[in-house]
Amino acid sequence: MELVVLNTSGKETGRKVEFDDAIFGIEPNQHAVYLEVKQYLAAQRQGTHKSKERSEIVGSTKKLKKQKGSGSARYGDIKSPVFKGGGRVFGPKPRDYRFKLNKSLKRLAKKSVISQKMRENSIRVMEDLSFDAPKTKDFIKLLSAFELTGKKALFILPEANKNVYLSSRNLPKTKVMNYNEISSYDIVHAGEVIFMEGAIEKFQDNLKK
């Protein structure tokens, strides 16, 4: 399949770019996408939650009342979980939520989400972008030309470009990333995906490895 290359004003340049059907035209595997999005979100969790158990509470270990003869329930010490301020039973402990996935599955997930975007006509190609200096105003003009103002957009660059990144950093719904940095979650989360012309071949080669 082919897409027309647009300039920074949103107009057609007359050039076309070929997309590999083996990457942009597969039948999406929803379970693979689910697993990689789950992995991404799990890695964002801090896992620093902690509550004190009975052995970690500061308090007397003296038995509150005798075992028998009081006519009420049996009590241990004041640190018992049944009392206010006592330890918590099976409370949360610090843990790492990250888990591993095979590279082949991660590639399948990325192919699936990018193929779904292609089906939805949510992918566009723009000529390579470069700014002389960081200017958010210039990036806002670019979004306006592509009718992306107020929409979630992911711009994929062929290589790191500090001026382009800094120009977009203050725009909450816009994300600029290098072709080898994006995850399936980034593509799913974006409403529109804008490829720089030079990033397409690199993106495809990266998924063929």
N, C-alpha and C. Protein backbone atom coordinates (compact mmCIF):
# COMPACT_ATOMS: atom_id res chain seq x y z
N MET A 1 0.83 -1.19 0.00
CA MET A 1 0.00 0.00 0.00
C MET A 1 0.87 1.25 0.00
N GLU A 2 0.32 2.35 -0.46
CA GLU A 2 1.07 3.59 -0.58
C GLU A 2 0.32 4.73 0.09
N LEU A 3 1.07 5.69 0.60
CA LEU A 3 0.50 6.92 1.14
C LEU A 3 1.26 8.10 0.56
N VAL A 4 0.53 9.20 0.36
CA VAL A 4 1.13 10.42 -0.20
C VAL A 4 1.90 11.15 0.89
N VAL A 5 3.06 11.68 0.55
CA VAL A 5 3.87 12.46 1.48
C VAL A 5 3.34 13.90 1.50
N LEU A 6 3.10 14.40 2.71
CA LEU A 6 2.61 15.78 2.88
C LEU A 6 3.75 16.68 3.34
N ASN A 7 3.64 17.97 3.01
CA ASN A 7 4.63 18.93 3.51
C ASN A 7 4.16 19.48 4.84
N THR A 8 4.91 20.40 5.40
CA THR A 8 4.59 20.94 6.74
C THR A 8 3.32 21.78 6.74
N SER A 9 2.82 22.12 5.56
CA SER A 9 1.56 22.87 5.46
C SER A 9 0.37 21.96 5.26
N GLY A 10 0.62 20.64 5.23
CA GLY A 10 -0.46 19.68 5.06
C GLY A 10 -0.84 19.45 3.61
N LYS A 11 -0.05 19.96 2.68
CA LYS A 11 -0.33 19.82 1.24
C LYS A 11 0.47 18.64 0.68
N GLU A 12 -0.07 18.04 -0.38
CA GLU A 12 0.60 16.91 -1.02
C GLU A 12 1.86 17.36 -1.76
N THR A 13 2.91 16.58 -1.63
CA THR A 13 4.17 16.91 -2.30
C THR A 13 4.28 16.22 -3.66
N GLY A 14 3.40 15.25 -3.92
CA GLY A 14 3.49 14.49 -5.17
C GLY A 14 4.28 13.20 -5.02
N ARG A 15 4.99 13.04 -3.92
CA ARG A 15 5.75 11.83 -3.67
C ARG A 15 4.87 10.83 -2.90
N LYS A 16 5.16 9.55 -3.10
CA LYS A 16 4.44 8.50 -2.39
C LYS A 16 5.44 7.57 -1.71
N VAL A 17 5.00 6.98 -0.61
CA VAL A 17 5.85 6.05 0.14
C VAL A 17 5.16 4.70 0.21
N GLU A 18 5.94 3.63 -0.02
CA GLU A 18 5.41 2.27 0.00
C GLU A 18 5.47 1.70 1.42
N PHE A 19 4.37 1.11 1.85
CA PHE A 19 4.31 0.46 3.17
C PHE A 19 4.25 -1.04 2.99
N ASP A 20 5.01 -1.76 3.79
CA ASP A 20 5.09 -3.21 3.70
C ASP A 20 3.82 -3.83 4.30
N ASP A 21 3.09 -4.61 3.48
CA ASP A 21 1.86 -5.24 3.96
C ASP A 21 2.11 -6.24 5.08
N ALA A 22 3.33 -6.77 5.15
CA ALA A 22 3.66 -7.73 6.21
C ALA A 22 3.76 -7.06 7.57
N ILE A 23 3.81 -5.74 7.58
CA ILE A 23 3.89 -4.97 8.83
C ILE A 23 2.64 -4.13 9.05
N PHE A 24 2.19 -3.46 7.98
CA PHE A 24 1.07 -2.53 8.09
C PHE A 24 -0.26 -3.12 7.61
N GLY A 25 -0.25 -4.40 7.22
CA GLY A 25 -1.49 -4.96 6.69
C GLY A 25 -1.84 -6.33 7.23
N ILE A 26 -1.38 -6.67 8.43
CA ILE A 26 -1.67 -7.99 8.99
C ILE A 26 -3.01 -7.97 9.73
N GLU A 27 -3.50 -9.16 10.03
CA GLU A 27 -4.70 -9.29 10.86
C GLU A 27 -4.28 -9.05 12.32
N PRO A 28 -4.80 -8.02 12.97
CA PRO A 28 -4.36 -7.69 14.34
C PRO A 28 -4.58 -8.84 15.33
N ASN A 29 -3.57 -9.09 16.15
CA ASN A 29 -3.65 -10.08 17.22
C ASN A 29 -3.92 -9.33 18.52
N GLN A 30 -5.17 -9.34 18.94
CA GLN A 30 -5.58 -8.54 20.09
C GLN A 30 -4.93 -9.02 21.40
N HIS A 31 -4.71 -10.33 21.52
CA HIS A 31 -4.12 -10.83 22.77
C HIS A 31 -2.67 -10.37 22.90
N ALA A 32 -1.93 -10.35 21.79
CA ALA A 32 -0.55 -9.87 21.83
C ALA A 32 -0.51 -8.40 22.23
N VAL A 33 -1.44 -7.62 21.70
CA VAL A 33 -1.52 -6.19 22.05
C VAL A 33 -1.83 -6.04 23.53
N TYR A 34 -2.78 -6.84 24.02
CA TYR A 34 -3.15 -6.79 25.43
C TYR A 34 -1.95 -7.05 26.33
N LEU A 35 -1.16 -8.07 25.98
CA LEU A 35 -0.02 -8.44 26.81
C LEU A 35 1.04 -7.34 26.84
N GLU A 36 1.30 -6.72 25.68
CA GLU A 36 2.35 -5.69 25.70
C GLU A 36 1.88 -4.42 26.40
N VAL A 37 0.62 -4.05 26.21
CA VAL A 37 0.09 -2.88 26.92
C VAL A 37 0.09 -3.15 28.43
N LYS A 38 -0.26 -4.37 28.81
CA LYS A 38 -0.24 -4.75 30.23
C LYS A 38 1.18 -4.66 30.77
N GLN A 39 2.17 -5.13 30.00
CA GLN A 39 3.57 -5.06 30.42
C GLN A 39 4.01 -3.61 30.59
N TYR A 40 3.64 -2.75 29.64
CA TYR A 40 4.03 -1.34 29.70
C TYR A 40 3.45 -0.68 30.96
N LEU A 41 2.17 -0.89 31.20
CA LEU A 41 1.52 -0.26 32.35
C LEU A 41 2.05 -0.82 33.67
N ALA A 42 2.36 -2.12 33.69
CA ALA A 42 2.91 -2.73 34.90
C ALA A 42 4.27 -2.13 35.24
N ALA A 43 5.05 -1.84 34.20
CA ALA A 43 6.39 -1.26 34.43
C ALA A 43 6.32 0.16 34.98
N GLN A 44 5.17 0.84 34.79
CA GLN A 44 5.02 2.20 35.31
C GLN A 44 4.71 2.23 36.81
N ARG A 45 4.29 1.09 37.36
CA ARG A 45 3.91 1.05 38.77
C ARG A 45 5.14 1.12 39.66
N GLN A 46 5.08 1.94 40.70
CA GLN A 46 6.21 2.08 41.61
C GLN A 46 6.41 0.86 42.50
N GLY A 47 5.31 0.28 42.92
CA GLY A 47 5.42 -0.91 43.78
C GLY A 47 5.98 -0.61 45.16
N THR A 48 5.82 0.62 45.64
CA THR A 48 6.39 0.97 46.95
C THR A 48 5.37 0.89 48.09
N HIS A 49 4.18 0.32 47.79
CA HIS A 49 3.13 0.23 48.81
C HIS A 49 3.60 -0.68 49.95
N LYS A 50 3.24 -0.31 51.18
CA LYS A 50 3.67 -1.07 52.35
C LYS A 50 2.76 -0.77 53.53
N SER A 51 2.35 -1.82 54.22
CA SER A 51 1.64 -1.65 55.49
C SER A 51 2.33 -2.52 56.54
N LYS A 52 2.22 -2.09 57.80
CA LYS A 52 2.91 -2.81 58.87
C LYS A 52 2.12 -4.04 59.31
N GLU A 53 2.84 -5.11 59.46
CA GLU A 53 2.23 -6.32 59.99
C GLU A 53 2.38 -6.32 61.52
N ARG A 54 1.82 -7.34 62.13
CA ARG A 54 1.77 -7.41 63.59
C ARG A 54 3.16 -7.31 64.23
N SER A 55 4.14 -7.95 63.61
CA SER A 55 5.48 -7.97 64.20
C SER A 55 6.20 -6.62 64.08
N GLU A 56 5.67 -5.71 63.23
CA GLU A 56 6.33 -4.43 62.98
C GLU A 56 5.70 -3.28 63.77
N ILE A 57 4.59 -3.55 64.46
CA ILE A 57 3.93 -2.51 65.25
C ILE A 57 4.65 -2.33 66.59
N VAL A 58 4.80 -1.07 67.00
CA VAL A 58 5.40 -0.77 68.31
C VAL A 58 4.30 -0.82 69.36
N GLY A 59 4.45 -1.66 70.34
CA GLY A 59 3.44 -1.78 71.39
C GLY A 59 3.78 -2.91 72.34
N SER A 60 3.04 -2.98 73.41
CA SER A 60 3.28 -3.99 74.43
C SER A 60 2.88 -5.37 73.92
N THR A 61 3.62 -6.37 74.36
CA THR A 61 3.28 -7.75 74.02
C THR A 61 2.53 -8.44 75.17
N LYS A 62 2.14 -7.67 76.18
CA LYS A 62 1.44 -8.24 77.33
C LYS A 62 0.04 -8.69 76.93
N LYS A 63 -0.36 -9.84 77.41
CA LYS A 63 -1.71 -10.34 77.15
C LYS A 63 -2.70 -9.45 77.89
N LEU A 64 -3.74 -8.98 77.20
CA LEU A 64 -4.65 -7.97 77.74
C LEU A 64 -5.50 -8.49 78.90
N LYS A 65 -5.93 -9.71 78.83
CA LYS A 65 -6.74 -10.28 79.91
C LYS A 65 -6.48 -11.78 79.96
N LYS A 66 -6.91 -12.39 81.00
CA LYS A 66 -6.66 -13.82 81.13
C LYS A 66 -7.44 -14.58 80.06
N GLN A 67 -6.95 -15.77 79.77
CA GLN A 67 -7.50 -16.55 78.67
C GLN A 67 -8.95 -16.96 78.92
N LYS A 68 -9.27 -17.36 80.13
CA LYS A 68 -10.60 -17.89 80.43
C LYS A 68 -11.26 -17.11 81.58
N GLY A 69 -12.57 -17.24 81.65
CA GLY A 69 -13.29 -16.73 82.80
C GLY A 69 -13.84 -15.32 82.65
N SER A 70 -13.47 -14.59 81.60
CA SER A 70 -13.95 -13.20 81.46
C SER A 70 -15.33 -13.14 80.81
N GLY A 71 -15.72 -14.22 80.15
CA GLY A 71 -17.01 -14.22 79.48
C GLY A 71 -16.99 -13.58 78.10
N SER A 72 -15.84 -13.09 77.69
CA SER A 72 -15.73 -12.46 76.36
C SER A 72 -14.67 -13.19 75.53
N ALA A 73 -14.40 -12.67 74.37
CA ALA A 73 -13.47 -13.33 73.46
C ALA A 73 -12.06 -13.35 74.04
N ARG A 74 -11.24 -14.25 73.51
CA ARG A 74 -9.85 -14.35 73.94
C ARG A 74 -9.04 -13.25 73.25
N TYR A 75 -8.20 -12.55 73.99
CA TYR A 75 -7.38 -11.50 73.44
C TYR A 75 -5.91 -11.80 73.64
N GLY A 76 -5.11 -11.39 72.65
CA GLY A 76 -3.67 -11.47 72.81
C GLY A 76 -3.15 -10.10 73.21
N ASP A 77 -2.15 -9.60 72.50
CA ASP A 77 -1.62 -8.27 72.84
C ASP A 77 -2.31 -7.18 72.02
N ILE A 78 -1.94 -5.94 72.33
CA ILE A 78 -2.58 -4.76 71.72
C ILE A 78 -2.26 -4.63 70.24
N LYS A 79 -1.26 -5.37 69.74
CA LYS A 79 -0.87 -5.30 68.34
C LYS A 79 -1.71 -6.21 67.44
N SER A 80 -2.68 -6.88 68.03
CA SER A 80 -3.53 -7.79 67.28
C SER A 80 -4.28 -7.04 66.17
N PRO A 81 -4.45 -7.64 65.01
CA PRO A 81 -5.16 -6.98 63.90
C PRO A 81 -6.60 -6.61 64.20
N VAL A 82 -7.21 -7.21 65.24
CA VAL A 82 -8.61 -6.90 65.54
C VAL A 82 -8.75 -5.56 66.26
N PHE A 83 -7.64 -4.97 66.73
CA PHE A 83 -7.69 -3.69 67.42
C PHE A 83 -7.28 -2.54 66.51
N LYS A 84 -7.83 -1.37 66.76
CA LYS A 84 -7.42 -0.18 66.03
C LYS A 84 -5.94 0.10 66.31
N GLY A 85 -5.18 0.33 65.27
CA GLY A 85 -3.75 0.55 65.44
C GLY A 85 -2.93 -0.72 65.43
N GLY A 86 -3.62 -1.85 65.31
CA GLY A 86 -2.90 -3.11 65.27
C GLY A 86 -2.31 -3.37 63.88
N GLY A 87 -1.60 -4.47 63.76
CA GLY A 87 -0.99 -4.80 62.47
C GLY A 87 -2.03 -5.24 61.46
N ARG A 88 -1.67 -5.13 60.18
CA ARG A 88 -2.58 -5.53 59.12
C ARG A 88 -2.26 -6.95 58.66
N VAL A 89 -3.32 -7.73 58.42
CA VAL A 89 -3.14 -9.11 57.99
C VAL A 89 -2.97 -9.16 56.47
N PHE A 90 -1.90 -9.79 56.01
CA PHE A 90 -1.62 -9.95 54.58
C PHE A 90 -1.66 -8.61 53.82
N GLY A 91 -1.06 -7.60 54.43
CA GLY A 91 -1.03 -6.29 53.80
C GLY A 91 -0.07 -6.23 52.63
N PRO A 92 -0.11 -5.15 51.85
CA PRO A 92 0.78 -5.02 50.69
C PRO A 92 2.23 -4.86 51.09
N LYS A 93 3.10 -5.43 50.27
CA LYS A 93 4.54 -5.31 50.48
C LYS A 93 5.18 -4.77 49.21
N PRO A 94 6.34 -4.09 49.32
CA PRO A 94 7.03 -3.59 48.12
C PRO A 94 7.32 -4.73 47.16
N ARG A 95 7.04 -4.49 45.86
CA ARG A 95 7.28 -5.52 44.87
C ARG A 95 7.50 -4.89 43.51
N ASP A 96 8.10 -5.64 42.61
CA ASP A 96 8.35 -5.20 41.24
C ASP A 96 7.30 -5.85 40.34
N TYR A 97 6.50 -5.03 39.66
CA TYR A 97 5.41 -5.54 38.84
C TYR A 97 5.84 -5.90 37.42
N ARG A 98 7.08 -5.61 37.08
CA ARG A 98 7.52 -5.86 35.70
C ARG A 98 7.57 -7.35 35.38
N PHE A 99 7.31 -7.67 34.12
CA PHE A 99 7.44 -9.05 33.66
C PHE A 99 7.95 -9.04 32.22
N LYS A 100 8.48 -10.16 31.78
CA LYS A 100 9.12 -10.23 30.46
C LYS A 100 8.17 -10.80 29.41
N LEU A 101 8.40 -10.36 28.17
CA LEU A 101 7.70 -10.90 27.01
C LEU A 101 8.73 -11.22 25.93
N ASN A 102 8.44 -12.21 25.12
CA ASN A 102 9.33 -12.54 24.02
C ASN A 102 9.38 -11.40 23.00
N LYS A 103 10.54 -11.24 22.37
CA LYS A 103 10.69 -10.19 21.37
C LYS A 103 9.75 -10.41 20.19
N SER A 104 9.55 -11.67 19.82
CA SER A 104 8.67 -11.96 18.69
C SER A 104 7.23 -11.55 18.98
N LEU A 105 6.80 -11.73 20.24
CA LEU A 105 5.44 -11.33 20.62
C LEU A 105 5.32 -9.81 20.63
N LYS A 106 6.36 -9.12 21.09
CA LYS A 106 6.32 -7.66 21.12
C LYS A 106 6.28 -7.08 19.70
N ARG A 107 7.01 -7.73 18.79
CA ARG A 107 6.97 -7.29 17.39
C ARG A 107 5.59 -7.52 16.79
N LEU A 108 4.99 -8.67 17.11
CA LEU A 108 3.64 -8.97 16.63
C LEU A 108 2.63 -7.95 17.15
N ALA A 109 2.78 -7.57 18.42
CA ALA A 109 1.87 -6.58 19.01
C ALA A 109 2.00 -5.24 18.30
N LYS A 110 3.23 -4.83 18.02
CA LYS A 110 3.43 -3.54 17.36
C LYS A 110 2.90 -3.56 15.93
N LYS A 111 3.10 -4.68 15.23
CA LYS A 111 2.55 -4.82 13.88
C LYS A 111 1.02 -4.77 13.92
N SER A 112 0.45 -5.37 14.96
CA SER A 112 -1.01 -5.43 15.08
C SER A 112 -1.60 -4.04 15.28
N VAL A 113 -1.01 -3.25 16.17
CA VAL A 113 -1.58 -1.93 16.44
C VAL A 113 -1.36 -0.97 15.27
N ILE A 114 -0.21 -1.09 14.59
CA ILE A 114 0.05 -0.19 13.46
C ILE A 114 -0.83 -0.59 12.27
N SER A 115 -1.12 -1.89 12.13
CA SER A 115 -2.03 -2.34 11.07
C SER A 115 -3.45 -1.85 11.34
N GLN A 116 -3.85 -1.84 12.62
CA GLN A 116 -5.17 -1.34 12.97
C GLN A 116 -5.28 0.15 12.68
N LYS A 117 -4.21 0.89 12.95
CA LYS A 117 -4.22 2.32 12.63
C LYS A 117 -4.33 2.55 11.12
N MET A 118 -3.66 1.69 10.36
CA MET A 118 -3.73 1.80 8.90
C MET A 118 -5.15 1.52 8.42
N ARG A 119 -5.80 0.53 9.02
CA ARG A 119 -7.19 0.22 8.66
C ARG A 119 -8.12 1.39 8.95
N GLU A 120 -7.81 2.11 10.01
CA GLU A 120 -8.66 3.24 10.42
C GLU A 120 -8.30 4.53 9.70
N ASN A 121 -7.32 4.45 8.77
CA ASN A 121 -6.84 5.64 8.05
C ASN A 121 -6.33 6.72 9.01
N SER A 122 -5.64 6.25 10.05
CA SER A 122 -5.13 7.17 11.06
C SER A 122 -3.62 7.36 10.95
N ILE A 123 -3.04 6.98 9.81
CA ILE A 123 -1.61 7.16 9.59
C ILE A 123 -1.39 8.13 8.45
N ARG A 124 -0.48 9.08 8.67
CA ARG A 124 -0.10 10.03 7.61
C ARG A 124 1.42 10.12 7.55
N VAL A 125 1.91 10.56 6.40
CA VAL A 125 3.35 10.69 6.19
C VAL A 125 3.67 12.16 5.90
N MET A 126 4.68 12.67 6.61
CA MET A 126 5.10 14.05 6.43
C MET A 126 6.57 14.11 6.08
N GLU A 127 6.93 15.06 5.26
CA GLU A 127 8.35 15.21 4.93
C GLU A 127 9.13 15.49 6.19
N ASP A 128 10.41 15.12 6.19
CA ASP A 128 11.24 15.25 7.39
C ASP A 128 11.20 16.67 7.94
N LEU A 129 11.05 16.75 9.24
CA LEU A 129 10.85 18.02 9.92
C LEU A 129 12.10 18.44 10.69
N SER A 130 12.38 19.73 10.64
CA SER A 130 13.52 20.26 11.39
C SER A 130 13.26 21.73 11.72
N PHE A 131 13.59 22.11 12.95
CA PHE A 131 13.47 23.51 13.39
C PHE A 131 14.85 24.06 13.69
N ASP A 132 15.05 25.34 13.37
CA ASP A 132 16.34 25.98 13.67
C ASP A 132 16.51 26.19 15.17
N ALA A 133 15.39 26.38 15.84
CA ALA A 133 15.40 26.59 17.30
C ALA A 133 14.08 26.09 17.87
N PRO A 134 14.05 25.73 19.16
CA PRO A 134 12.80 25.26 19.76
C PRO A 134 11.74 26.37 19.78
N LYS A 135 10.62 26.14 19.14
CA LYS A 135 9.53 27.11 19.13
C LYS A 135 8.19 26.37 19.14
N THR A 136 7.51 26.44 20.27
CA THR A 136 6.21 25.78 20.39
C THR A 136 5.21 26.37 19.43
N LYS A 137 5.32 27.67 19.16
CA LYS A 137 4.40 28.35 18.25
C LYS A 137 4.45 27.72 16.86
N ASP A 138 5.66 27.36 16.42
CA ASP A 138 5.80 26.74 15.10
C ASP A 138 5.17 25.35 15.07
N PHE A 139 5.28 24.63 16.16
CA PHE A 139 4.69 23.30 16.21
C PHE A 139 3.17 23.38 16.25
N ILE A 140 2.64 24.40 16.91
CA ILE A 140 1.19 24.61 16.94
C ILE A 140 0.66 24.89 15.53
N LYS A 141 1.42 25.65 14.74
CA LYS A 141 1.04 25.90 13.35
C LYS A 141 1.00 24.60 12.55
N LEU A 142 1.97 23.72 12.83
CA LEU A 142 2.02 22.43 12.16
C LEU A 142 0.79 21.60 12.50
N LEU A 143 0.41 21.58 13.78
CA LEU A 143 -0.77 20.83 14.20
C LEU A 143 -2.03 21.39 13.54
N SER A 144 -2.09 22.70 13.42
CA SER A 144 -3.25 23.33 12.79
C SER A 144 -3.34 22.95 11.31
N ALA A 145 -2.18 22.90 10.63
CA ALA A 145 -2.16 22.55 9.21
C ALA A 145 -2.63 21.11 8.99
N PHE A 146 -2.36 20.23 9.95
CA PHE A 146 -2.77 18.83 9.84
C PHE A 146 -4.11 18.56 10.53
N GLU A 147 -4.76 19.62 11.01
CA GLU A 147 -6.06 19.52 11.69
C GLU A 147 -5.96 18.59 12.90
N LEU A 148 -4.89 18.76 13.66
CA LEU A 148 -4.67 17.94 14.85
C LEU A 148 -4.76 18.73 16.15
N THR A 149 -5.19 19.97 16.07
CA THR A 149 -5.29 20.79 17.27
C THR A 149 -6.26 20.17 18.27
N GLY A 150 -5.80 19.93 19.48
CA GLY A 150 -6.64 19.33 20.52
C GLY A 150 -6.81 17.84 20.40
N LYS A 151 -6.13 17.20 19.44
CA LYS A 151 -6.23 15.75 19.27
C LYS A 151 -4.94 15.07 19.71
N LYS A 152 -5.05 13.80 20.05
CA LYS A 152 -3.86 13.04 20.42
C LYS A 152 -3.09 12.66 19.16
N ALA A 153 -1.83 13.04 19.11
CA ALA A 153 -1.02 12.77 17.92
C ALA A 153 0.36 12.27 18.32
N LEU A 154 0.84 11.29 17.58
CA LEU A 154 2.17 10.74 17.78
C LEU A 154 3.00 11.00 16.53
N PHE A 155 4.11 11.74 16.69
CA PHE A 155 5.02 12.02 15.58
C PHE A 155 6.23 11.12 15.71
N ILE A 156 6.54 10.37 14.66
CA ILE A 156 7.63 9.41 14.68
C ILE A 156 8.78 9.93 13.83
N LEU A 157 9.94 10.14 14.48
CA LEU A 157 11.11 10.72 13.82
C LEU A 157 12.10 9.64 13.41
N PRO A 158 12.88 9.90 12.35
CA PRO A 158 13.91 8.94 11.94
C PRO A 158 15.13 8.95 12.86
N GLU A 159 15.33 10.06 13.57
CA GLU A 159 16.45 10.18 14.51
C GLU A 159 16.11 11.27 15.52
N ALA A 160 16.82 11.28 16.62
CA ALA A 160 16.54 12.26 17.67
C ALA A 160 16.74 13.68 17.15
N ASN A 161 15.78 14.55 17.44
CA ASN A 161 15.85 15.95 17.03
C ASN A 161 15.44 16.81 18.22
N LYS A 162 16.42 17.39 18.87
CA LYS A 162 16.17 18.11 20.12
C LYS A 162 15.23 19.29 19.92
N ASN A 163 15.39 20.05 18.84
CA ASN A 163 14.55 21.23 18.62
C ASN A 163 13.09 20.85 18.40
N VAL A 164 12.86 19.78 17.65
CA VAL A 164 11.48 19.33 17.41
C VAL A 164 10.87 18.82 18.72
N TYR A 165 11.66 18.07 19.48
CA TYR A 165 11.16 17.54 20.75
C TYR A 165 10.80 18.67 21.72
N LEU A 166 11.69 19.63 21.86
CA LEU A 166 11.43 20.74 22.79
C LEU A 166 10.27 21.61 22.33
N SER A 167 10.06 21.71 21.04
CA SER A 167 8.96 22.51 20.51
C SER A 167 7.60 21.89 20.84
N SER A 168 7.58 20.58 21.02
CA SER A 168 6.30 19.89 21.26
C SER A 168 6.09 19.52 22.72
N ARG A 169 7.11 19.71 23.55
CA ARG A 169 7.07 19.19 24.91
C ARG A 169 5.93 19.77 25.75
N ASN A 170 5.56 21.01 25.53
CA ASN A 170 4.53 21.64 26.34
C ASN A 170 3.11 21.40 25.83
N LEU A 171 2.97 20.64 24.76
CA LEU A 171 1.65 20.35 24.20
C LEU A 171 1.16 19.01 24.76
N PRO A 172 0.15 19.02 25.62
CA PRO A 172 -0.22 17.84 26.40
C PRO A 172 -0.67 16.63 25.60
N LYS A 173 -1.27 16.82 24.43
CA LYS A 173 -1.79 15.69 23.66
C LYS A 173 -0.88 15.31 22.50
N THR A 174 0.29 15.90 22.44
CA THR A 174 1.22 15.63 21.35
C THR A 174 2.47 14.93 21.89
N LYS A 175 2.89 13.90 21.18
CA LYS A 175 4.08 13.16 21.59
C LYS A 175 5.00 13.00 20.39
N VAL A 176 6.29 13.31 20.60
CA VAL A 176 7.30 13.16 19.55
C VAL A 176 8.31 12.13 20.03
N MET A 177 8.52 11.08 19.23
CA MET A 177 9.42 10.00 19.63
C MET A 177 10.24 9.53 18.44
N ASN A 178 11.38 8.95 18.76
CA ASN A 178 12.21 8.32 17.75
C ASN A 178 11.58 6.98 17.34
N TYR A 179 11.83 6.53 16.13
CA TYR A 179 11.17 5.32 15.60
C TYR A 179 11.43 4.07 16.46
N ASN A 180 12.61 4.00 17.11
CA ASN A 180 12.96 2.81 17.88
C ASN A 180 12.62 2.95 19.37
N GLU A 181 11.91 4.00 19.74
CA GLU A 181 11.53 4.21 21.14
C GLU A 181 10.08 3.87 21.41
N ILE A 182 9.26 3.86 20.38
CA ILE A 182 7.82 3.74 20.59
C ILE A 182 7.42 2.31 20.98
N SER A 183 6.39 2.22 21.79
CA SER A 183 5.84 0.93 22.20
C SER A 183 4.43 0.80 21.61
N SER A 184 3.86 -0.37 21.74
CA SER A 184 2.48 -0.57 21.28
C SER A 184 1.53 0.36 22.02
N TYR A 185 1.82 0.61 23.29
CA TYR A 185 0.95 1.49 24.08
C TYR A 185 0.93 2.91 23.49
N ASP A 186 2.09 3.40 23.06
CA ASP A 186 2.16 4.75 22.48
C ASP A 186 1.29 4.85 21.23
N ILE A 187 1.31 3.80 20.41
CA ILE A 187 0.52 3.81 19.18
C ILE A 187 -0.97 3.70 19.49
N VAL A 188 -1.32 2.80 20.43
CA VAL A 188 -2.72 2.64 20.82
C VAL A 188 -3.27 3.95 21.39
N HIS A 189 -2.46 4.61 22.20
CA HIS A 189 -2.90 5.81 22.90
C HIS A 189 -3.07 7.01 21.95
N ALA A 190 -2.40 6.97 20.81
CA ALA A 190 -2.45 8.10 19.86
C ALA A 190 -3.69 7.99 18.97
N GLY A 191 -4.30 9.14 18.71
CA GLY A 191 -5.42 9.16 17.77
C GLY A 191 -4.92 9.12 16.34
N GLU A 192 -3.88 9.90 16.05
CA GLU A 192 -3.27 9.97 14.72
C GLU A 192 -1.77 9.69 14.85
N VAL A 193 -1.23 8.94 13.89
CA VAL A 193 0.20 8.65 13.86
C VAL A 193 0.80 9.32 12.62
N ILE A 194 1.79 10.20 12.84
CA ILE A 194 2.42 10.93 11.75
C ILE A 194 3.86 10.44 11.62
N PHE A 195 4.15 9.76 10.52
CA PHE A 195 5.50 9.30 10.24
C PHE A 195 6.27 10.38 9.48
N MET A 196 7.50 10.67 9.93
CA MET A 196 8.39 11.44 9.09
C MET A 196 8.83 10.52 7.93
N GLU A 197 9.02 11.09 6.76
CA GLU A 197 9.32 10.30 5.57
C GLU A 197 10.53 9.38 5.77
N GLY A 198 11.54 9.89 6.46
CA GLY A 198 12.76 9.10 6.66
C GLY A 198 12.64 8.04 7.73
N ALA A 199 11.55 8.05 8.49
CA ALA A 199 11.40 7.09 9.59
C ALA A 199 10.73 5.80 9.17
N ILE A 200 10.06 5.81 8.03
CA ILE A 200 9.25 4.65 7.64
C ILE A 200 10.13 3.43 7.37
N GLU A 201 11.15 3.58 6.55
CA GLU A 201 12.01 2.45 6.23
C GLU A 201 12.71 1.93 7.47
N LYS A 202 13.17 2.83 8.34
CA LYS A 202 13.84 2.40 9.57
C LYS A 202 12.88 1.67 10.49
N PHE A 203 11.64 2.16 10.58
CA PHE A 203 10.63 1.53 11.41
C PHE A 203 10.34 0.12 10.91
N GLN A 204 10.24 -0.04 9.60
CA GLN A 204 9.95 -1.35 9.01
C GLN A 204 11.12 -2.31 9.21
N ASP A 205 12.33 -1.80 8.99
CA ASP A 205 13.52 -2.65 9.17
C ASP A 205 13.65 -3.12 10.61
N ASN A 206 13.26 -2.25 11.55
CA ASN A 206 13.34 -2.58 12.97
C ASN A 206 12.40 -3.72 13.35
N LEU A 207 11.27 -3.83 12.65
CA LEU A 207 10.31 -4.88 12.94
C LEU A 207 10.57 -6.17 12.15
N LYS A 208 11.53 -6.12 11.24
CA LYS A 208 11.90 -7.31 10.47
C LYS A 208 13.02 -8.10 11.12
N LYS A 209 13.66 -7.51 12.13
CA LYS A 209 14.81 -8.16 12.77
C LYS A 209 14.40 -9.42 13.52
